[in-house]
């Protein structure tokens, strides 16, 4: 049972962090989508694609994006840890 939970945690973490496949599939649009079927850009892709030339406020915004992504992953891991404790 613990192996299954560990696999789920690793799978979700990888899905959140997967960049290149999502860039190709999701359309890599740097603007807010106006519908469910419009292209989007993930947080990770935004950081990877723009960090090379960012400076000043733009760089700070990308670092803030990384912090938001970190907290998303932290919350997901905490939820799985709580679910695992309830299951034991």
C-alpha atoms as a PDB file:
ATOM      1  CA  UNK A   1       0.000   0.000   0.000  1.00  0.00           C
ATOM      2  CA  UNK A   2       2.790   2.461   0.830  1.00  0.00           C
ATOM      3  CA  UNK A   3       4.396   1.749  -2.548  1.00  0.00           C
ATOM      4  CA  UNK A   4       1.193   2.735  -4.312  1.00  0.00           C
ATOM      5  CA  UNK A   5       0.982   5.986  -2.341  1.00  0.00           C
ATOM      6  CA  UNK A   6       4.637   6.750  -3.105  1.00  0.00           C
ATOM      7  CA  UNK A   7       3.997   6.079  -6.793  1.00  0.00           C
ATOM      8  CA  UNK A   8       1.021   8.426  -6.808  1.00  0.00           C
ATOM      9  CA  UNK A   9       3.035  11.168  -5.099  1.00  0.00           C
ATOM     10  CA  UNK A  10       5.892  10.807  -7.586  1.00  0.00           C
ATOM     11  CA  UNK A  11       3.462  10.740 -10.507  1.00  0.00           C
ATOM     12  CA  UNK A  12       1.685  13.909  -9.424  1.00  0.00           C
ATOM     13  CA  UNK A  13       4.999  15.668  -8.787  1.00  0.00           C
ATOM     14  CA  UNK A  14       6.223  14.706 -12.231  1.00  0.00           C
ATOM     15  CA  UNK A  15       2.967  15.786 -13.861  1.00  0.00           C
ATOM     16  CA  UNK A  16       3.238  19.201 -12.213  1.00  0.00           C
ATOM     17  CA  UNK A  17       6.864  19.593 -13.244  1.00  0.00           C
ATOM     18  CA  UNK A  18       6.650  18.153 -16.761  1.00  0.00           C
ATOM     19  CA  UNK A  19       7.495  21.004 -19.067  1.00  0.00           C
ATOM     20  CA  UNK A  20       8.376  20.195 -22.621  1.00  0.00           C
ATOM     21  CA  UNK A  21       5.537  17.777 -23.387  1.00  0.00           C
ATOM     22  CA  UNK A  22       3.019  20.193 -21.936  1.00  0.00           C
ATOM     23  CA  UNK A  23       4.474  23.067 -23.966  1.00  0.00           C
ATOM     24  CA  UNK A  24       3.879  21.123 -27.170  1.00  0.00           C
ATOM     25  CA  UNK A  25       0.407  19.899 -26.252  1.00  0.00           C
ATOM     26  CA  UNK A  26      -1.012  22.984 -24.516  1.00  0.00           C
ATOM     27  CA  UNK A  27      -0.098  25.500 -27.183  1.00  0.00           C
ATOM     28  CA  UNK A  28       2.423  27.636 -25.260  1.00  0.00           C
ATOM     29  CA  UNK A  29       0.351  30.824 -25.207  1.00  0.00           C
ATOM     30  CA  UNK A  30       1.640  33.507 -22.844  1.00  0.00           C
ATOM     31  CA  UNK A  31      -1.765  35.230 -22.615  1.00  0.00           C
ATOM     32  CA  UNK A  32      -4.852  34.396 -20.560  1.00  0.00           C
ATOM     33  CA  UNK A  33      -7.041  31.933 -22.476  1.00  0.00           C
ATOM     34  CA  UNK A  34     -10.500  33.116 -23.467  1.00  0.00           C
ATOM     35  CA  UNK A  35     -11.949  29.614 -23.530  1.00  0.00           C
ATOM     36  CA  UNK A  36     -11.378  26.043 -22.382  1.00  0.00           C
ATOM     37  CA  UNK A  37      -9.929  24.959 -25.721  1.00  0.00           C
ATOM     38  CA  UNK A  38      -7.488  27.860 -26.147  1.00  0.00           C
ATOM     39  CA  UNK A  39      -3.737  27.500 -25.661  1.00  0.00           C
ATOM     40  CA  UNK A  40      -2.149  27.989 -22.246  1.00  0.00           C
ATOM     41  CA  UNK A  41       1.323  28.124 -20.700  1.00  0.00           C
ATOM     42  CA  UNK A  42       2.169  26.286 -17.490  1.00  0.00           C
ATOM     43  CA  UNK A  43       4.037  27.892 -14.602  1.00  0.00           C
ATOM     44  CA  UNK A  44       7.097  25.727 -15.185  1.00  0.00           C
ATOM     45  CA  UNK A  45       7.178  26.470 -18.906  1.00  0.00           C
ATOM     46  CA  UNK A  46       6.845  30.179 -18.203  1.00  0.00           C
ATOM     47  CA  UNK A  47       9.914  30.102 -15.945  1.00  0.00           C
ATOM     48  CA  UNK A  48      12.011  27.972 -18.309  1.00  0.00           C
ATOM     49  CA  UNK A  49      11.222  29.921 -21.466  1.00  0.00           C
ATOM     50  CA  UNK A  50      11.621  33.436 -20.077  1.00  0.00           C
ATOM     51  CA  UNK A  51      14.352  33.254 -17.413  1.00  0.00           C
ATOM     52  CA  UNK A  52      17.184  33.490 -19.957  1.00  0.00           C
ATOM     53  CA  UNK A  53      16.431  37.054 -20.992  1.00  0.00           C
ATOM     54  CA  UNK A  54      14.480  38.364 -17.991  1.00  0.00           C
ATOM     55  CA  UNK A  55      15.786  41.255 -15.928  1.00  0.00           C
ATOM     56  CA  UNK A  56      14.483  43.585 -13.258  1.00  0.00           C
ATOM     57  CA  UNK A  57      10.785  43.312 -12.497  1.00  0.00           C
ATOM     58  CA  UNK A  58      10.313  40.574 -15.091  1.00  0.00           C
ATOM     59  CA  UNK A  59      12.908  38.391 -13.340  1.00  0.00           C
ATOM     60  CA  UNK A  60      11.266  39.066  -9.972  1.00  0.00           C
ATOM     61  CA  UNK A  61       7.908  38.004 -11.413  1.00  0.00           C
ATOM     62  CA  UNK A  62       9.446  34.743 -12.641  1.00  0.00           C
ATOM     63  CA  UNK A  63      10.944  34.091  -9.203  1.00  0.00           C
ATOM     64  CA  UNK A  64       7.516  34.744  -7.677  1.00  0.00           C
ATOM     65  CA  UNK A  65       6.088  32.246 -10.173  1.00  0.00           C
ATOM     66  CA  UNK A  66       8.642  29.689  -8.960  1.00  0.00           C
ATOM     67  CA  UNK A  67       7.594  30.327  -5.355  1.00  0.00           C
ATOM     68  CA  UNK A  68       3.928  29.797  -6.287  1.00  0.00           C
ATOM     69  CA  UNK A  69       4.829  26.546  -8.065  1.00  0.00           C
ATOM     70  CA  UNK A  70       6.831  25.427  -5.018  1.00  0.00           C
ATOM     71  CA  UNK A  71       3.852  26.024  -2.727  1.00  0.00           C
ATOM     72  CA  UNK A  72       1.505  24.159  -5.094  1.00  0.00           C
ATOM     73  CA  UNK A  73       3.791  21.124  -4.955  1.00  0.00           C
ATOM     74  CA  UNK A  74       4.189  21.486  -1.175  1.00  0.00           C
ATOM     75  CA  UNK A  75       0.406  21.550  -0.694  1.00  0.00           C
ATOM     76  CA  UNK A  76      -0.055  18.517  -2.953  1.00  0.00           C
ATOM     77  CA  UNK A  77       2.567  16.594  -0.955  1.00  0.00           C
ATOM     78  CA  UNK A  78       0.969  17.614   2.365  1.00  0.00           C
ATOM     79  CA  UNK A  79      -2.443  16.441   1.154  1.00  0.00           C
ATOM     80  CA  UNK A  80      -0.975  13.074   0.180  1.00  0.00           C
ATOM     81  CA  UNK A  81       0.824  12.781   3.521  1.00  0.00           C
ATOM     82  CA  UNK A  82      -2.411  13.489   5.402  1.00  0.00           C
ATOM     83  CA  UNK A  83      -4.294  11.000   3.249  1.00  0.00           C
ATOM     84  CA  UNK A  84      -1.629   8.387   3.926  1.00  0.00           C
ATOM     85  CA  UNK A  85      -1.821   8.949   7.697  1.00  0.00           C
ATOM     86  CA  UNK A  86      -5.598   8.539   7.614  1.00  0.00           C
ATOM     87  CA  UNK A  87      -5.236   5.326   5.639  1.00  0.00           C
ATOM     88  CA  UNK A  88      -2.785   3.754   8.107  1.00  0.00           C
END
